[in-house]
Full PDB file with SEQRES, HELIX, SHEET, SSBOND, CRYST1, ORIGX, SCALE, CONECT and MASTER records, all heavy atoms in Angstrom:
SEQRES   1 A   29  GLU ASP GLY MET PHE LEU MET GLN TYR ILE LYS TYR VAL          
SEQRES   2 A   29  LYS ARG VAL LEU PRO VAL ASN LYS ALA VAL TYR TYR TYR          
SEQRES   3 A   29  ALA LYS ASN                                                  
HELIX    1 AA1 ASP A    2  TYR A    9  1                                   8    
HELIX    2 AA2 ILE A   10  TYR A   12  5                                   3    
CRYST1    1.000    1.000    1.000  90.00  90.00  90.00 P 1           1          
ORIGX1      1.000000  0.000000  0.000000        0.00000                         
ORIGX2      0.000000  1.000000  0.000000        0.00000                         
ORIGX3      0.000000  0.000000  1.000000        0.00000                         
SCALE1      1.000000  0.000000  0.000000        0.00000                         
SCALE2      0.000000  1.000000  0.000000        0.00000                         
SCALE3      0.000000  0.000000  1.000000        0.00000                         
ATOM      1  N   GLU A   1       1.094  -1.353  -2.083  1.00  0.00           N  
ATOM      2  CA  GLU A   1       2.284  -0.636  -1.610  1.00  0.00           C  
ATOM      3  C   GLU A   1       1.905   0.470  -0.629  1.00  0.00           C  
ATOM      4  O   GLU A   1       2.657   0.785   0.293  1.00  0.00           O  
ATOM      5  CB  GLU A   1       3.079  -0.062  -2.792  1.00  0.00           C  
ATOM      6  CG  GLU A   1       2.467   1.120  -3.518  1.00  0.00           C  
ATOM      7  CD  GLU A   1       1.302   0.764  -4.432  1.00  0.00           C  
ATOM      8  OE1 GLU A   1       1.141  -0.432  -4.763  1.00  0.00           O  
ATOM      9  OE2 GLU A   1       0.559   1.686  -4.821  1.00  0.00           O  
ATOM     10  N   ASP A   2       0.707   1.045  -0.801  1.00  0.00           N  
ATOM     11  CA  ASP A   2       0.240   2.084   0.114  1.00  0.00           C  
ATOM     12  C   ASP A   2       0.111   1.540   1.533  1.00  0.00           C  
ATOM     13  O   ASP A   2       0.551   2.154   2.505  1.00  0.00           O  
ATOM     14  CB  ASP A   2      -1.125   2.622  -0.328  1.00  0.00           C  
ATOM     15  CG  ASP A   2      -1.079   3.277  -1.694  1.00  0.00           C  
ATOM     16  OD1 ASP A   2       0.035   3.550  -2.179  1.00  0.00           O  
ATOM     17  OD2 ASP A   2      -2.148   3.510  -2.266  1.00  0.00           O  
ATOM     18  N   GLY A   3      -0.538   0.374   1.620  1.00  0.00           N  
ATOM     19  CA  GLY A   3      -0.738  -0.238   2.926  1.00  0.00           C  
ATOM     20  C   GLY A   3       0.556  -0.651   3.589  1.00  0.00           C  
ATOM     21  O   GLY A   3       0.707  -0.551   4.809  1.00  0.00           O  
ATOM     22  N   MET A   4       1.516  -1.106   2.793  1.00  0.00           N  
ATOM     23  CA  MET A   4       2.810  -1.501   3.341  1.00  0.00           C  
ATOM     24  C   MET A   4       3.518  -0.299   3.961  1.00  0.00           C  
ATOM     25  O   MET A   4       4.137  -0.397   5.022  1.00  0.00           O  
ATOM     26  CB  MET A   4       3.678  -2.121   2.249  1.00  0.00           C  
ATOM     27  CG  MET A   4       3.155  -3.446   1.715  1.00  0.00           C  
ATOM     28  SD  MET A   4       3.274  -4.800   2.916  1.00  0.00           S  
ATOM     29  CE  MET A   4       5.040  -5.110   2.866  1.00  0.00           C  
ATOM     30  N   PHE A   5       3.422   0.853   3.290  1.00  0.00           N  
ATOM     31  CA  PHE A   5       4.003   2.088   3.830  1.00  0.00           C  
ATOM     32  C   PHE A   5       3.347   2.440   5.156  1.00  0.00           C  
ATOM     33  O   PHE A   5       4.014   2.751   6.150  1.00  0.00           O  
ATOM     34  CB  PHE A   5       3.817   3.224   2.822  1.00  0.00           C  
ATOM     35  CG  PHE A   5       4.336   4.557   3.287  1.00  0.00           C  
ATOM     36  CD1 PHE A   5       5.665   4.899   3.121  1.00  0.00           C  
ATOM     37  CD2 PHE A   5       3.488   5.477   3.894  1.00  0.00           C  
ATOM     38  CE1 PHE A   5       6.145   6.137   3.549  1.00  0.00           C  
ATOM     39  CE2 PHE A   5       3.949   6.714   4.323  1.00  0.00           C  
ATOM     40  CZ  PHE A   5       5.288   7.031   4.148  1.00  0.00           C  
ATOM     41  N   LEU A   6       2.017   2.375   5.191  1.00  0.00           N  
ATOM     42  CA  LEU A   6       1.291   2.722   6.409  1.00  0.00           C  
ATOM     43  C   LEU A   6       1.640   1.777   7.553  1.00  0.00           C  
ATOM     44  O   LEU A   6       1.807   2.217   8.695  1.00  0.00           O  
ATOM     45  CB  LEU A   6      -0.215   2.686   6.146  1.00  0.00           C  
ATOM     46  CG  LEU A   6      -1.108   3.004   7.345  1.00  0.00           C  
ATOM     47  CD1 LEU A   6      -0.837   4.423   7.865  1.00  0.00           C  
ATOM     48  CD2 LEU A   6      -2.577   2.839   6.979  1.00  0.00           C  
ATOM     49  N   MET A   7       1.776   0.471   7.265  1.00  0.00           N  
ATOM     50  CA  MET A   7       2.073  -0.488   8.327  1.00  0.00           C  
ATOM     51  C   MET A   7       3.465  -0.265   8.909  1.00  0.00           C  
ATOM     52  O   MET A   7       3.705  -0.526  10.093  1.00  0.00           O  
ATOM     53  CB  MET A   7       1.939  -1.919   7.812  1.00  0.00           C  
ATOM     54  CG  MET A   7       0.524  -2.319   7.431  1.00  0.00           C  
ATOM     55  SD  MET A   7      -0.745  -1.945   8.678  1.00  0.00           S  
ATOM     56  CE  MET A   7      -0.180  -2.952  10.052  1.00  0.00           C  
ATOM     57  N   GLN A   8       4.395   0.240   8.099  1.00  0.00           N  
ATOM     58  CA  GLN A   8       5.706   0.634   8.640  1.00  0.00           C  
ATOM     59  C   GLN A   8       5.558   1.846   9.547  1.00  0.00           C  
ATOM     60  O   GLN A   8       6.118   1.902  10.638  1.00  0.00           O  
ATOM     61  CB  GLN A   8       6.670   0.973   7.502  1.00  0.00           C  
ATOM     62  CG  GLN A   8       7.111  -0.175   6.626  1.00  0.00           C  
ATOM     63  CD  GLN A   8       8.055   0.335   5.567  1.00  0.00           C  
ATOM     64  OE1 GLN A   8       9.189   0.765   5.841  1.00  0.00           O  
ATOM     65  NE2 GLN A   8       7.598   0.327   4.320  1.00  0.00           N  
ATOM     66  N   TYR A   9       4.776   2.814   9.064  1.00  0.00           N  
ATOM     67  CA  TYR A   9       4.629   4.083   9.779  1.00  0.00           C  
ATOM     68  C   TYR A   9       3.886   3.911  11.094  1.00  0.00           C  
ATOM     69  O   TYR A   9       4.239   4.520  12.108  1.00  0.00           O  
ATOM     70  CB  TYR A   9       3.899   5.076   8.873  1.00  0.00           C  
ATOM     71  CG  TYR A   9       3.807   6.478   9.433  1.00  0.00           C  
ATOM     72  CD1 TYR A   9       4.779   7.421   9.140  1.00  0.00           C  
ATOM     73  CD2 TYR A   9       2.735   6.863  10.251  1.00  0.00           C  
ATOM     74  CE1 TYR A   9       4.695   8.714   9.648  1.00  0.00           C  
ATOM     75  CE2 TYR A   9       2.647   8.138  10.763  1.00  0.00           C  
ATOM     76  CZ  TYR A   9       3.630   9.063  10.462  1.00  0.00           C  
ATOM     77  OH  TYR A   9       3.554  10.336  10.974  1.00  0.00           O  
ATOM     78  N   ILE A  10       2.869   3.060  11.086  1.00  0.00           N  
ATOM     79  CA  ILE A  10       1.973   2.963  12.243  1.00  0.00           C  
ATOM     80  C   ILE A  10       2.691   2.434  13.484  1.00  0.00           C  
ATOM     81  O   ILE A  10       2.227   2.640  14.618  1.00  0.00           O  
ATOM     82  CB  ILE A  10       0.758   2.066  11.891  1.00  0.00           C  
ATOM     83  CG1 ILE A  10      -0.440   2.423  12.787  1.00  0.00           C  
ATOM     84  CG2 ILE A  10       1.102   0.585  11.996  1.00  0.00           C  
ATOM     85  CD1 ILE A  10      -0.990   3.795  12.536  1.00  0.00           C  
ATOM     86  N   LYS A  11       3.825   1.792  13.306  1.00  0.00           N  
ATOM     87  CA  LYS A  11       4.586   1.269  14.449  1.00  0.00           C  
ATOM     88  C   LYS A  11       5.038   2.392  15.377  1.00  0.00           C  
ATOM     89  O   LYS A  11       5.335   2.159  16.544  1.00  0.00           O  
ATOM     90  CB  LYS A  11       5.804   0.494  13.951  1.00  0.00           C  
ATOM     91  CG  LYS A  11       5.461  -0.747  13.137  1.00  0.00           C  
ATOM     92  CD  LYS A  11       6.723  -1.355  12.532  1.00  0.00           C  
ATOM     93  CE  LYS A  11       6.392  -2.524  11.621  1.00  0.00           C  
ATOM     94  NZ  LYS A  11       7.606  -3.080  10.964  1.00  0.00           N  
ATOM     95  N   TYR A  12       5.092   3.605  14.849  1.00  0.00           N  
ATOM     96  CA  TYR A  12       5.603   4.746  15.619  1.00  0.00           C  
ATOM     97  C   TYR A  12       4.495   5.727  15.987  1.00  0.00           C  
ATOM     98  O   TYR A  12       4.767   6.850  16.421  1.00  0.00           O  
ATOM     99  CB  TYR A  12       6.691   5.453  14.805  1.00  0.00           C  
ATOM    100  CG  TYR A  12       7.755   4.511  14.323  1.00  0.00           C  
ATOM    101  CD1 TYR A  12       7.741   4.013  13.020  1.00  0.00           C  
ATOM    102  CD2 TYR A  12       8.763   4.061  15.187  1.00  0.00           C  
ATOM    103  CE1 TYR A  12       8.712   3.126  12.582  1.00  0.00           C  
ATOM    104  CE2 TYR A  12       9.732   3.165  14.758  1.00  0.00           C  
ATOM    105  CZ  TYR A  12       9.692   2.700  13.460  1.00  0.00           C  
ATOM    106  OH  TYR A  12      10.642   1.802  13.031  1.00  0.00           O  
ATOM    107  N   VAL A  13       3.237   5.304  15.817  1.00  0.00           N  
ATOM    108  CA  VAL A  13       2.087   6.190  16.074  1.00  0.00           C  
ATOM    109  C   VAL A  13       1.459   5.879  17.424  1.00  0.00           C  
ATOM    110  O   VAL A  13       1.106   4.739  17.708  1.00  0.00           O  
ATOM    111  CB  VAL A  13       1.029   6.040  14.963  1.00  0.00           C  
ATOM    112  CG1 VAL A  13      -0.244   6.801  15.306  1.00  0.00           C  
ATOM    113  CG2 VAL A  13       1.594   6.540  13.635  1.00  0.00           C  
ATOM    114  N   LYS A  14       1.324   6.908  18.237  1.00  0.00           N  
ATOM    115  CA  LYS A  14       0.657   6.772  19.536  1.00  0.00           C  
ATOM    116  C   LYS A  14      -0.716   7.443  19.548  1.00  0.00           C  
ATOM    117  O   LYS A  14      -1.605   7.036  20.287  1.00  0.00           O  
ATOM    118  CB  LYS A  14       1.539   7.365  20.632  1.00  0.00           C  
ATOM    119  CG  LYS A  14       2.860   6.614  20.830  1.00  0.00           C  
ATOM    120  CD  LYS A  14       3.695   7.258  21.926  1.00  0.00           C  
ATOM    121  CE  LYS A  14       5.003   6.512  22.127  1.00  0.00           C  
ATOM    122  NZ  LYS A  14       5.872   7.150  23.156  1.00  0.00           N  
ATOM    123  N   ARG A  15      -0.852   8.483  18.725  1.00  0.00           N  
ATOM    124  CA  ARG A  15      -2.127   9.204  18.699  1.00  0.00           C  
ATOM    125  C   ARG A  15      -2.495   9.527  17.254  1.00  0.00           C  
ATOM    126  O   ARG A  15      -1.644   9.948  16.463  1.00  0.00           O  
ATOM    127  CB  ARG A  15      -2.058  10.505  19.502  1.00  0.00           C  
ATOM    128  CG  ARG A  15      -1.744  10.332  20.984  1.00  0.00           C  
ATOM    129  CD  ARG A  15      -1.866  11.678  21.699  1.00  0.00           C  
ATOM    130  NE  ARG A  15      -3.252  12.106  21.825  1.00  0.00           N  
ATOM    131  CZ  ARG A  15      -3.630  13.378  21.985  1.00  0.00           C  
ATOM    132  NH1 ARG A  15      -2.734  14.334  22.014  1.00  0.00           N  
ATOM    133  NH2 ARG A  15      -4.910  13.672  22.114  1.00  0.00           N  
ATOM    134  N   VAL A  16      -3.789   9.328  16.913  1.00  0.00           N  
ATOM    135  CA  VAL A  16      -4.288   9.608  15.572  1.00  0.00           C  
ATOM    136  C   VAL A  16      -5.352  10.698  15.648  1.00  0.00           C  
ATOM    137  O   VAL A  16      -6.292  10.615  16.439  1.00  0.00           O  
ATOM    138  CB  VAL A  16      -4.888   8.349  14.927  1.00  0.00           C  
ATOM    139  CG1 VAL A  16      -5.429   8.670  13.527  1.00  0.00           C  
ATOM    140  CG2 VAL A  16      -3.851   7.238  14.845  1.00  0.00           C  
ATOM    141  N   LEU A  17      -5.195  11.705  14.798  1.00  0.00           N  
ATOM    142  CA  LEU A  17      -6.152  12.803  14.749  1.00  0.00           C  
ATOM    143  C   LEU A  17      -7.157  12.570  13.625  1.00  0.00           C  
ATOM    144  O   LEU A  17      -6.775  12.525  12.455  1.00  0.00           O  
ATOM    145  CB  LEU A  17      -5.417  14.131  14.507  1.00  0.00           C  
ATOM    146  CG  LEU A  17      -6.290  15.359  14.245  1.00  0.00           C  
ATOM    147  CD1 LEU A  17      -7.096  15.715  15.490  1.00  0.00           C  
ATOM    148  CD2 LEU A  17      -5.441  16.543  13.789  1.00  0.00           C  
ATOM    149  N   PRO A  18      -8.452  12.421  13.945  1.00  0.00           N  
ATOM    150  CA  PRO A  18      -9.454  12.311  12.879  1.00  0.00           C  
ATOM    151  C   PRO A  18      -9.830  13.691  12.350  1.00  0.00           C  
ATOM    152  O   PRO A  18     -10.046  14.619  13.131  1.00  0.00           O  
ATOM    153  CB  PRO A  18     -10.645  11.645  13.583  1.00  0.00           C  
ATOM    154  CG  PRO A  18     -10.502  12.037  15.015  1.00  0.00           C  
ATOM    155  CD  PRO A  18      -9.030  12.258  15.283  1.00  0.00           C  
ATOM    156  N   VAL A  19      -9.873  13.826  11.039  1.00  0.00           N  
ATOM    157  CA  VAL A  19     -10.268  15.084  10.401  1.00  0.00           C  
ATOM    158  C   VAL A  19     -11.538  14.790   9.605  1.00  0.00           C  
ATOM    159  O   VAL A  19     -11.488  14.171   8.544  1.00  0.00           O  
ATOM    160  CB  VAL A  19      -9.163  15.628   9.482  1.00  0.00           C  
ATOM    161  CG1 VAL A  19      -9.590  16.961   8.876  1.00  0.00           C  
ATOM    162  CG2 VAL A  19      -7.851  15.777  10.253  1.00  0.00           C  
ATOM    163  N   ASN A  20     -12.672  15.221  10.139  1.00  0.00           N  
ATOM    164  CA  ASN A  20     -13.962  14.828   9.558  1.00  0.00           C  
ATOM    165  C   ASN A  20     -14.466  15.843   8.538  1.00  0.00           C  
ATOM    166  O   ASN A  20     -15.578  16.359   8.645  1.00  0.00           O  
ATOM    167  CB  ASN A  20     -14.987  14.628  10.682  1.00  0.00           C  
ATOM    168  CG  ASN A  20     -14.594  13.495  11.607  1.00  0.00           C  
ATOM    169  OD1 ASN A  20     -14.216  12.423  11.150  1.00  0.00           O  
ATOM    170  ND2 ASN A  20     -14.658  13.732  12.902  1.00  0.00           N  
ATOM    171  N   LYS A  21     -13.624  16.122   7.543  1.00  0.00           N  
ATOM    172  CA  LYS A  21     -14.018  17.022   6.467  1.00  0.00           C  
ATOM    173  C   LYS A  21     -13.716  16.349   5.135  1.00  0.00           C  
ATOM    174  O   LYS A  21     -12.645  15.767   4.949  1.00  0.00           O  
ATOM    175  CB  LYS A  21     -13.271  18.355   6.553  1.00  0.00           C  
ATOM    176  CG  LYS A  21     -13.571  19.158   7.799  1.00  0.00           C  
ATOM    177  CD  LYS A  21     -13.072  20.595   7.665  1.00  0.00           C  
ATOM    178  CE  LYS A  21     -13.894  21.384   6.670  1.00  0.00           C  
ATOM    179  NZ  LYS A  21     -13.496  22.806   6.613  1.00  0.00           N  
ATOM    180  N   ALA A  22     -14.660  16.437   4.199  1.00  0.00           N  
ATOM    181  CA  ALA A  22     -14.478  15.835   2.879  1.00  0.00           C  
ATOM    182  C   ALA A  22     -13.879  16.876   1.942  1.00  0.00           C  
ATOM    183  O   ALA A  22     -14.591  17.614   1.260  1.00  0.00           O  
ATOM    184  CB  ALA A  22     -15.810  15.326   2.338  1.00  0.00           C  
ATOM    185  N   VAL A  23     -12.555  16.950   1.916  1.00  0.00           N  
ATOM    186  CA  VAL A  23     -11.872  17.972   1.117  1.00  0.00           C  
ATOM    187  C   VAL A  23     -11.055  17.357  -0.027  1.00  0.00           C  
ATOM    188  O   VAL A  23     -10.328  18.060  -0.714  1.00  0.00           O  
ATOM    189  CB  VAL A  23     -10.936  18.832   2.003  1.00  0.00           C  
ATOM    190  CG1 VAL A  23     -11.745  19.643   2.994  1.00  0.00           C  
ATOM    191  CG2 VAL A  23      -9.896  17.976   2.712  1.00  0.00           C  
ATOM    192  N   TYR A  24     -11.183  16.048  -0.224  1.00  0.00           N  
ATOM    193  CA  TYR A  24     -10.430  15.359  -1.274  1.00  0.00           C  
ATOM    194  C   TYR A  24     -11.411  14.698  -2.233  1.00  0.00           C  
ATOM    195  O   TYR A  24     -12.340  14.010  -1.818  1.00  0.00           O  
ATOM    196  CB  TYR A  24      -9.511  14.305  -0.663  1.00  0.00           C  
ATOM    197  CG  TYR A  24      -8.484  13.736  -1.629  1.00  0.00           C  
ATOM    198  CD1 TYR A  24      -7.191  14.256  -1.685  1.00  0.00           C  
ATOM    199  CD2 TYR A  24      -8.798  12.674  -2.475  1.00  0.00           C  
ATOM    200  CE1 TYR A  24      -6.258  13.741  -2.570  1.00  0.00           C  
ATOM    201  CE2 TYR A  24      -7.873  12.162  -3.361  1.00  0.00           C  
ATOM    202  CZ  TYR A  24      -6.598  12.695  -3.400  1.00  0.00           C  
ATOM    203  OH  TYR A  24      -5.673  12.185  -4.286  1.00  0.00           O  
ATOM    204  N   TYR A  25     -11.185  14.897  -3.537  1.00  0.00           N  
ATOM    205  CA  TYR A  25     -12.014  14.291  -4.570  1.00  0.00           C  
ATOM    206  C   TYR A  25     -11.218  13.183  -5.259  1.00  0.00           C  
ATOM    207  O   TYR A  25     -10.225  13.446  -5.942  1.00  0.00           O  
ATOM    208  CB  TYR A  25     -12.453  15.343  -5.588  1.00  0.00           C  
ATOM    209  CG  TYR A  25     -13.555  16.249  -5.087  1.00  0.00           C  
ATOM    210  CD1 TYR A  25     -13.277  17.264  -4.169  1.00  0.00           C  
ATOM    211  CD2 TYR A  25     -14.872  16.083  -5.507  1.00  0.00           C  
ATOM    212  CE1 TYR A  25     -14.280  18.086  -3.689  1.00  0.00           C  
ATOM    213  CE2 TYR A  25     -15.888  16.906  -5.036  1.00  0.00           C  
ATOM    214  CZ  TYR A  25     -15.578  17.901  -4.132  1.00  0.00           C  
ATOM    215  OH  TYR A  25     -16.573  18.714  -3.648  1.00  0.00           O  
ATOM    216  N   TYR A  26     -11.667  11.967  -5.029  1.00  0.00           N  
ATOM    217  CA  TYR A  26     -10.981  10.785  -5.557  1.00  0.00           C  
ATOM    218  C   TYR A  26     -11.671  10.339  -6.842  1.00  0.00           C  
ATOM    219  O   TYR A  26     -12.871  10.041  -6.859  1.00  0.00           O  
ATOM    220  CB  TYR A  26     -11.019   9.668  -4.511  1.00  0.00           C  
ATOM    221  CG  TYR A  26     -10.630   8.308  -5.026  1.00  0.00           C  
ATOM    222  CD1 TYR A  26      -9.324   8.035  -5.425  1.00  0.00           C  
ATOM    223  CD2 TYR A  26     -11.566   7.275  -5.108  1.00  0.00           C  
ATOM    224  CE1 TYR A  26      -8.967   6.787  -5.894  1.00  0.00           C  
ATOM    225  CE2 TYR A  26     -11.216   6.020  -5.564  1.00  0.00           C  
ATOM    226  CZ  TYR A  26      -9.917   5.783  -5.962  1.00  0.00           C  
ATOM    227  OH  TYR A  26      -9.568   4.540  -6.426  1.00  0.00           O  
ATOM    228  N   ALA A  27     -10.915  10.312  -7.934  1.00  0.00           N  
ATOM    229  CA  ALA A  27     -11.465   9.921  -9.230  1.00  0.00           C  
ATOM    230  C   ALA A  27     -11.317   8.417  -9.411  1.00  0.00           C  
ATOM    231  O   ALA A  27     -10.203   7.892  -9.466  1.00  0.00           O  
ATOM    232  CB  ALA A  27     -10.745  10.666 -10.356  1.00  0.00           C  
ATOM    233  N   LYS A  28     -12.441   7.733  -9.483  1.00  0.00           N  
ATOM    234  CA  LYS A  28     -12.438   6.272  -9.617  1.00  0.00           C  
ATOM    235  C   LYS A  28     -12.867   5.887 -11.021  1.00  0.00           C  
ATOM    236  O   LYS A  28     -13.905   6.324 -11.507  1.00  0.00           O  
ATOM    237  CB  LYS A  28     -13.389   5.640  -8.595  1.00  0.00           C  
ATOM    238  CG  LYS A  28     -13.442   4.117  -8.674  1.00  0.00           C  
ATOM    239  CD  LYS A  28     -14.397   3.545  -7.645  1.00  0.00           C  
ATOM    240  CE  LYS A  28     -14.447   2.024  -7.725  1.00  0.00           C  
ATOM    241  NZ  LYS A  28     -15.379   1.444  -6.726  1.00  0.00           N  
ATOM    242  N   ASN A  29     -12.054   5.045 -11.643  1.00  0.00           N  
ATOM    243  CA  ASN A  29     -12.391   4.532 -12.970  1.00  0.00           C  
ATOM    244  C   ASN A  29     -12.652   3.042 -12.836  1.00  0.00           C  
ATOM    245  O   ASN A  29     -11.724   2.241 -12.757  1.00  0.00           O  
ATOM    246  CB  ASN A  29     -11.254   4.794 -13.960  1.00  0.00           C  
ATOM    247  CG  ASN A  29     -11.651   4.469 -15.401  1.00  0.00           C  
ATOM    248  OD1 ASN A  29     -12.510   3.634 -15.645  1.00  0.00           O  
ATOM    249  ND2 ASN A  29     -11.020   5.138 -16.346  1.00  0.00           N  
TER     250      ASN A  29                                                      
MASTER        0    0    0    2    0    0    0    6  249    1    0    3          
END                                                                             
């Protein structure tokens, strides 16, 4: 469902800003 949301959104994107900082901690089980 995450990817489906992004694919809808990306249709309206002309420029993407990369943010090269690791500020999110993802907990994987």
